[in-house]
Amino acid sequence: MSTMTVRMSEQDAELVRKFAKFEGVTISDFARTAILEKIEDSYDLQELREAIAQDSGERFSIDEIISELDQ
């Protein structure tokens, strides 16, 4: 397992400590989760932009979808 160091002001570090304690997780778990969620959010945004670019604008009502599923 690798170790990473993050430099921040004492005020920010205290905020992280308090938030991690409030959430009931270690600082490492909190940081790991936050970093990975940020990466995932960025990937999701990229996927959304690609989907919007390829969107034909065609839409279906819920009744049309249910009808198609019943067949």
PDB file of N, CA and C in Angstrom:
ATOM      1  N   MET A   1       0.844  -1.179   0.000  1.00  0.00           N
ATOM      2  CA  MET A   1       0.000   0.000   0.000  1.00  0.00           C
ATOM      3  C   MET A   1       0.890   1.245   0.000  1.00  0.00           C
ATOM      4  N   SER A   2       0.518   2.226  -0.795  1.00  0.00           N
ATOM      5  CA  SER A   2       1.286   3.462  -0.901  1.00  0.00           C
ATOM      6  C   SER A   2       0.841   4.487   0.129  1.00  0.00           C
ATOM      7  N   THR A   3       1.734   5.392   0.434  1.00  0.00           N
ATOM      8  CA  THR A   3       1.438   6.502   1.325  1.00  0.00           C
ATOM      9  C   THR A   3       1.561   7.794   0.540  1.00  0.00           C
ATOM     10  N   MET A   4       0.611   8.696   0.728  1.00  0.00           N
ATOM     11  CA  MET A   4       0.642  10.004   0.066  1.00  0.00           C
ATOM     12  C   MET A   4       0.586  11.081   1.145  1.00  0.00           C
ATOM     13  N   THR A   5       1.216  12.186   0.872  1.00  0.00           N
ATOM     14  CA  THR A   5       1.200  13.315   1.792  1.00  0.00           C
ATOM     15  C   THR A   5       0.444  14.467   1.144  1.00  0.00           C
ATOM     16  N   VAL A   6      -0.420  15.094   1.910  1.00  0.00           N
ATOM     17  CA  VAL A   6      -1.171  16.247   1.427  1.00  0.00           C
ATOM     18  C   VAL A   6      -0.819  17.428   2.314  1.00  0.00           C
ATOM     19  N   ARG A   7      -0.400  18.506   1.709  1.00  0.00           N
ATOM     20  CA  ARG A   7      -0.073  19.708   2.472  1.00  0.00           C
ATOM     21  C   ARG A   7      -1.250  20.662   2.432  1.00  0.00           C
ATOM     22  N   MET A   8      -1.616  21.180   3.605  1.00  0.00           N
ATOM     23  CA  MET A   8      -2.708  22.140   3.705  1.00  0.00           C
ATOM     24  C   MET A   8      -2.494  22.989   4.952  1.00  0.00           C
ATOM     25  N   SER A   9      -3.233  24.060   5.000  1.00  0.00           N
ATOM     26  CA  SER A   9      -3.127  24.939   6.165  1.00  0.00           C
ATOM     27  C   SER A   9      -3.628  24.204   7.405  1.00  0.00           C
ATOM     28  N   GLU A  10      -3.214  24.664   8.556  1.00  0.00           N
ATOM     29  CA  GLU A  10      -3.662  24.050   9.802  1.00  0.00           C
ATOM     30  C   GLU A  10      -5.180  24.176   9.944  1.00  0.00           C
ATOM     31  N   GLN A  11      -5.722  25.275   9.489  1.00  0.00           N
ATOM     32  CA  GLN A  11      -7.169  25.483   9.555  1.00  0.00           C
ATOM     33  C   GLN A  11      -7.901  24.435   8.705  1.00  0.00           C
ATOM     34  N   ASP A  12      -7.414  24.191   7.482  1.00  0.00           N
ATOM     35  CA  ASP A  12      -8.023  23.175   6.632  1.00  0.00           C
ATOM     36  C   ASP A  12      -7.838  21.777   7.220  1.00  0.00           C
ATOM     37  N   ALA A  13      -6.665  21.512   7.772  1.00  0.00           N
ATOM     38  CA  ALA A  13      -6.388  20.207   8.372  1.00  0.00           C
ATOM     39  C   ALA A  13      -7.333  19.947   9.544  1.00  0.00           C
ATOM     40  N   GLU A  14      -7.579  20.950  10.336  1.00  0.00           N
ATOM     41  CA  GLU A  14      -8.495  20.794  11.475  1.00  0.00           C
ATOM     42  C   GLU A  14      -9.918  20.522  10.987  1.00  0.00           C
ATOM     43  N   LEU A  15     -10.314  21.193   9.930  1.00  0.00           N
ATOM     44  CA  LEU A  15     -11.632  20.956   9.348  1.00  0.00           C
ATOM     45  C   LEU A  15     -11.750  19.502   8.874  1.00  0.00           C
ATOM     46  N   VAL A  16     -10.713  18.999   8.213  1.00  0.00           N
ATOM     47  CA  VAL A  16     -10.716  17.608   7.755  1.00  0.00           C
ATOM     48  C   VAL A  16     -10.786  16.652   8.942  1.00  0.00           C
ATOM     49  N   ARG A  17      -9.990  16.911   9.964  1.00  0.00           N
ATOM     50  CA  ARG A  17     -10.012  16.054  11.162  1.00  0.00           C
ATOM     51  C   ARG A  17     -11.408  16.006  11.785  1.00  0.00           C
ATOM     52  N   LYS A  18     -12.027  17.170  11.938  1.00  0.00           N
ATOM     53  CA  LYS A  18     -13.347  17.239  12.558  1.00  0.00           C
ATOM     54  C   LYS A  18     -14.404  16.555  11.696  1.00  0.00           C
ATOM     55  N   PHE A  19     -14.315  16.751  10.393  1.00  0.00           N
ATOM     56  CA  PHE A  19     -15.310  16.145   9.523  1.00  0.00           C
ATOM     57  C   PHE A  19     -15.170  14.629   9.512  1.00  0.00           C
ATOM     58  N   ALA A  20     -13.942  14.136   9.432  1.00  0.00           N
ATOM     59  CA  ALA A  20     -13.714  12.688   9.454  1.00  0.00           C
ATOM     60  C   ALA A  20     -14.237  12.092  10.763  1.00  0.00           C
ATOM     61  N   LYS A  21     -13.971  12.774  11.868  1.00  0.00           N
ATOM     62  CA  LYS A  21     -14.452  12.295  13.165  1.00  0.00           C
ATOM     63  C   LYS A  21     -15.973  12.286  13.196  1.00  0.00           C
ATOM     64  N   PHE A  22     -16.585  13.341  12.693  1.00  0.00           N
ATOM     65  CA  PHE A  22     -18.045  13.441  12.635  1.00  0.00           C
ATOM     66  C   PHE A  22     -18.633  12.293  11.825  1.00  0.00           C
ATOM     67  N   GLU A  23     -17.977  11.946  10.710  1.00  0.00           N
ATOM     68  CA  GLU A  23     -18.441  10.866   9.840  1.00  0.00           C
ATOM     69  C   GLU A  23     -18.096   9.486  10.403  1.00  0.00           C
ATOM     70  N   GLY A  24     -17.232   9.453  11.403  1.00  0.00           N
ATOM     71  CA  GLY A  24     -16.854   8.181  12.007  1.00  0.00           C
ATOM     72  C   GLY A  24     -15.880   7.374  11.170  1.00  0.00           C
ATOM     73  N   VAL A  25     -15.030   8.072  10.421  1.00  0.00           N
ATOM     74  CA  VAL A  25     -14.041   7.405   9.578  1.00  0.00           C
ATOM     75  C   VAL A  25     -12.667   7.969   9.880  1.00  0.00           C
ATOM     76  N   THR A  26     -11.653   7.249   9.464  1.00  0.00           N
ATOM     77  CA  THR A  26     -10.297   7.768   9.621  1.00  0.00           C
ATOM     78  C   THR A  26     -10.061   8.859   8.570  1.00  0.00           C
ATOM     79  N   ILE A  27      -9.055   9.657   8.807  1.00  0.00           N
ATOM     80  CA  ILE A  27      -8.696  10.685   7.830  1.00  0.00           C
ATOM     81  C   ILE A  27      -8.306  10.026   6.511  1.00  0.00           C
ATOM     82  N   SER A  28      -7.600   8.907   6.585  1.00  0.00           N
ATOM     83  CA  SER A  28      -7.203   8.193   5.368  1.00  0.00           C
ATOM     84  C   SER A  28      -8.422   7.719   4.587  1.00  0.00           C
ATOM     85  N   ASP A  29      -9.385   7.130   5.284  1.00  0.00           N
ATOM     86  CA  ASP A  29     -10.596   6.670   4.604  1.00  0.00           C
ATOM     87  C   ASP A  29     -11.368   7.831   3.994  1.00  0.00           C
ATOM     88  N   PHE A  30     -11.466   8.916   4.739  1.00  0.00           N
ATOM     89  CA  PHE A  30     -12.158  10.099   4.229  1.00  0.00           C
ATOM     90  C   PHE A  30     -11.469  10.633   2.980  1.00  0.00           C
ATOM     91  N   ALA A  31     -10.153  10.791   3.026  1.00  0.00           N
ATOM     92  CA  ALA A  31      -9.400  11.332   1.887  1.00  0.00           C
ATOM     93  C   ALA A  31      -9.499  10.400   0.683  1.00  0.00           C
ATOM     94  N   ARG A  32      -9.341   9.097   0.911  1.00  0.00           N
ATOM     95  CA  ARG A  32      -9.413   8.121  -0.176  1.00  0.00           C
ATOM     96  C   ARG A  32     -10.763   8.201  -0.871  1.00  0.00           C
ATOM     97  N   THR A  33     -11.834   8.207  -0.075  1.00  0.00           N
ATOM     98  CA  THR A  33     -13.184   8.262  -0.634  1.00  0.00           C
ATOM     99  C   THR A  33     -13.407   9.549  -1.415  1.00  0.00           C
ATOM    100  N   ALA A  34     -12.984  10.668  -0.853  1.00  0.00           N
ATOM    101  CA  ALA A  34     -13.174  11.961  -1.517  1.00  0.00           C
ATOM    102  C   ALA A  34     -12.415  12.026  -2.835  1.00  0.00           C
ATOM    103  N   ILE A  35     -11.197  11.530  -2.848  1.00  0.00           N
ATOM    104  CA  ILE A  35     -10.385  11.553  -4.069  1.00  0.00           C
ATOM    105  C   ILE A  35     -11.006  10.664  -5.142  1.00  0.00           C
ATOM    106  N   LEU A  36     -11.396   9.452  -4.768  1.00  0.00           N
ATOM    107  CA  LEU A  36     -11.975   8.534  -5.743  1.00  0.00           C
ATOM    108  C   LEU A  36     -13.329   9.018  -6.249  1.00  0.00           C
ATOM    109  N   GLU A  37     -14.120   9.644  -5.382  1.00  0.00           N
ATOM    110  CA  GLU A  37     -15.396  10.210  -5.823  1.00  0.00           C
ATOM    111  C   GLU A  37     -15.176  11.349  -6.816  1.00  0.00           C
ATOM    112  N   LYS A  38     -14.157  12.147  -6.593  1.00  0.00           N
ATOM    113  CA  LYS A  38     -13.834  13.240  -7.517  1.00  0.00           C
ATOM    114  C   LYS A  38     -13.468  12.689  -8.896  1.00  0.00           C
ATOM    115  N   ILE A  39     -12.671  11.631  -8.919  1.00  0.00           N
ATOM    116  CA  ILE A  39     -12.289  11.001 -10.185  1.00  0.00           C
ATOM    117  C   ILE A  39     -13.526  10.431 -10.875  1.00  0.00           C
ATOM    118  N   GLU A  40     -14.380   9.760 -10.105  1.00  0.00           N
ATOM    119  CA  GLU A  40     -15.593   9.184 -10.672  1.00  0.00           C
ATOM    120  C   GLU A  40     -16.522  10.267 -11.218  1.00  0.00           C
ATOM    121  N   ASP A  41     -16.665  11.376 -10.487  1.00  0.00           N
ATOM    122  CA  ASP A  41     -17.496  12.484 -10.954  1.00  0.00           C
ATOM    123  C   ASP A  41     -16.981  13.037 -12.273  1.00  0.00           C
ATOM    124  N   SER A  42     -15.677  13.164 -12.392  1.00  0.00           N
ATOM    125  CA  SER A  42     -15.073  13.673 -13.618  1.00  0.00           C
ATOM    126  C   SER A  42     -15.350  12.727 -14.783  1.00  0.00           C
ATOM    127  N   TYR A  43     -15.220  11.428 -14.539  1.00  0.00           N
ATOM    128  CA  TYR A  43     -15.501  10.426 -15.566  1.00  0.00           C
ATOM    129  C   TYR A  43     -16.976  10.483 -15.959  1.00  0.00           C
ATOM    130  N   ASP A  44     -17.879  10.575 -14.962  1.00  0.00           N
ATOM    131  CA  ASP A  44     -19.308  10.642 -15.241  1.00  0.00           C
ATOM    132  C   ASP A  44     -19.648  11.871 -16.074  1.00  0.00           C
ATOM    133  N   LEU A  45     -19.017  12.994 -15.793  1.00  0.00           N
ATOM    134  CA  LEU A  45     -19.261  14.217 -16.550  1.00  0.00           C
ATOM    135  C   LEU A  45     -18.816  14.046 -17.995  1.00  0.00           C
ATOM    136  N   GLN A  46     -17.689  13.411 -18.197  1.00  0.00           N
ATOM    137  CA  GLN A  46     -17.202  13.142 -19.549  1.00  0.00           C
ATOM    138  C   GLN A  46     -18.195  12.251 -20.301  1.00  0.00           C
ATOM    139  N   GLU A  47     -18.690  11.213 -19.646  1.00  0.00           N
ATOM    140  CA  GLU A  47     -19.672  10.309 -20.260  1.00  0.00           C
ATOM    141  C   GLU A  47     -20.958  11.065 -20.604  1.00  0.00           C
ATOM    142  N   LEU A  48     -21.407  11.951 -19.713  1.00  0.00           N
ATOM    143  CA  LEU A  48     -22.609  12.734 -19.964  1.00  0.00           C
ATOM    144  C   LEU A  48     -22.421  13.636 -21.177  1.00  0.00           C
ATOM    145  N   ARG A  49     -21.296  14.308 -21.268  1.00  0.00           N
ATOM    146  CA  ARG A  49     -21.034  15.185 -22.410  1.00  0.00           C
ATOM    147  C   ARG A  49     -21.056  14.407 -23.723  1.00  0.00           C
ATOM    148  N   GLU A  50     -20.478  13.209 -23.718  1.00  0.00           N
ATOM    149  CA  GLU A  50     -20.484  12.379 -24.914  1.00  0.00           C
ATOM    150  C   GLU A  50     -21.901  11.932 -25.262  1.00  0.00           C
ATOM    151  N   ALA A  51     -22.692  11.574 -24.259  1.00  0.00           N
ATOM    152  CA  ALA A  51     -24.074  11.156 -24.504  1.00  0.00           C
ATOM    153  C   ALA A  51     -24.904  12.304 -25.060  1.00  0.00           C
ATOM    154  N   ILE A  52     -24.712  13.503 -24.525  1.00  0.00           N
ATOM    155  CA  ILE A  52     -25.445  14.676 -25.018  1.00  0.00           C
ATOM    156  C   ILE A  52     -25.069  14.957 -26.471  1.00  0.00           C
ATOM    157  N   ALA A  53     -23.796  14.828 -26.788  1.00  0.00           N
ATOM    158  CA  ALA A  53     -23.335  15.081 -28.156  1.00  0.00           C
ATOM    159  C   ALA A  53     -23.940  14.088 -29.141  1.00  0.00           C
ATOM    160  N   GLN A  54     -24.225  12.884 -28.687  1.00  0.00           N
ATOM    161  CA  GLN A  54     -24.773  11.845 -29.568  1.00  0.00           C
ATOM    162  C   GLN A  54     -26.293  11.751 -29.502  1.00  0.00           C
ATOM    163  N   ASP A  55     -26.935  12.554 -28.672  1.00  0.00           N
ATOM    164  CA  ASP A  55     -28.379  12.493 -28.465  1.00  0.00           C
ATOM    165  C   ASP A  55     -29.120  12.929 -29.722  1.00  0.00           C
ATOM    166  N   SER A  56     -30.037  12.088 -30.190  1.00  0.00           N
ATOM    167  CA  SER A  56     -30.829  12.404 -31.383  1.00  0.00           C
ATOM    168  C   SER A  56     -32.036  13.280 -31.054  1.00  0.00           C
ATOM    169  N   GLY A  57     -32.353  13.399 -29.785  1.00  0.00           N
ATOM    170  CA  GLY A  57     -33.515  14.179 -29.384  1.00  0.00           C
ATOM    171  C   GLY A  57     -34.794  13.367 -29.318  1.00  0.00           C
ATOM    172  N   GLU A  58     -34.743  12.112 -29.749  1.00  0.00           N
ATOM    173  CA  GLU A  58     -35.926  11.249 -29.717  1.00  0.00           C
ATOM    174  C   GLU A  58     -36.270  10.894 -28.277  1.00  0.00           C
ATOM    175  N   ARG A  59     -37.553  11.015 -27.930  1.00  0.00           N
ATOM    176  CA  ARG A  59     -38.014  10.723 -26.588  1.00  0.00           C
ATOM    177  C   ARG A  59     -39.205   9.782 -26.658  1.00  0.00           C
ATOM    178  N   PHE A  60     -39.411   9.024 -25.599  1.00  0.00           N
ATOM    179  CA  PHE A  60     -40.516   8.078 -25.521  1.00  0.00           C
ATOM    180  C   PHE A  60     -41.292   8.320 -24.235  1.00  0.00           C
ATOM    181  N   SER A  61     -42.613   8.178 -24.317  1.00  0.00           N
ATOM    182  CA  SER A  61     -43.427   8.297 -23.113  1.00  0.00           C
ATOM    183  C   SER A  61     -43.331   6.993 -22.334  1.00  0.00           C
ATOM    184  N   ILE A  62     -43.716   7.040 -21.083  1.00  0.00           N
ATOM    185  CA  ILE A  62     -43.703   5.835 -20.258  1.00  0.00           C
ATOM    186  C   ILE A  62     -44.664   4.797 -20.820  1.00  0.00           C
ATOM    187  N   ASP A  63     -45.785   5.246 -21.377  1.00  0.00           N
ATOM    188  CA  ASP A  63     -46.755   4.318 -21.977  1.00  0.00           C
ATOM    189  C   ASP A  63     -46.154   3.604 -23.181  1.00  0.00           C
ATOM    190  N   GLU A  64     -45.376   4.312 -23.981  1.00  0.00           N
ATOM    191  CA  GLU A  64     -44.722   3.690 -25.134  1.00  0.00           C
ATOM    192  C   GLU A  64     -43.706   2.636 -24.675  1.00  0.00           C
ATOM    193  N   ILE A  65     -42.999   2.940 -23.639  1.00  0.00           N
ATOM    194  CA  ILE A  65     -42.006   1.996 -23.130  1.00  0.00           C
ATOM    195  C   ILE A  65     -42.678   0.746 -22.570  1.00  0.00           C
ATOM    196  N   ILE A  66     -43.724   0.939 -21.784  1.00  0.00           N
ATOM    197  CA  ILE A  66     -44.444  -0.209 -21.217  1.00  0.00           C
ATOM    198  C   ILE A  66     -45.056  -1.052 -22.319  1.00  0.00           C
ATOM    199  N   SER A  67     -45.622  -0.396 -23.311  1.00  0.00           N
ATOM    200  CA  SER A  67     -46.200  -1.117 -24.443  1.00  0.00           C
ATOM    201  C   SER A  67     -45.138  -1.958 -25.154  1.00  0.00           C
ATOM    202  N   GLU A  68     -43.988  -1.392 -25.345  1.00  0.00           N
ATOM    203  CA  GLU A  68     -42.891  -2.112 -26.005  1.00  0.00           C
ATOM    204  C   GLU A  68     -42.430  -3.291 -25.150  1.00  0.00           C
ATOM    205  N   LEU A  69     -42.408  -3.152 -23.867  1.00  0.00           N
ATOM    206  CA  LEU A  69     -41.988  -4.233 -22.980  1.00  0.00           C
ATOM    207  C   LEU A  69     -43.004  -5.368 -22.925  1.00  0.00           C
ATOM    208  N   ASP A  70     -44.284  -5.028 -23.087  1.00  0.00           N
ATOM    209  CA  ASP A  70     -45.345  -6.036 -23.034  1.00  0.00           C
ATOM    210  C   ASP A  70     -45.347  -6.940 -24.262  1.00  0.00           C
ATOM    211  N   GLN A  71     -44.724  -6.520 -25.321  1.00  0.00           N
ATOM    212  CA  GLN A  71     -44.752  -7.309 -26.567  1.00  0.00           C
ATOM    213  C   GLN A  71     -43.839  -8.507 -26.502  1.00  0.00           C
TER     214      GLN A  71
END
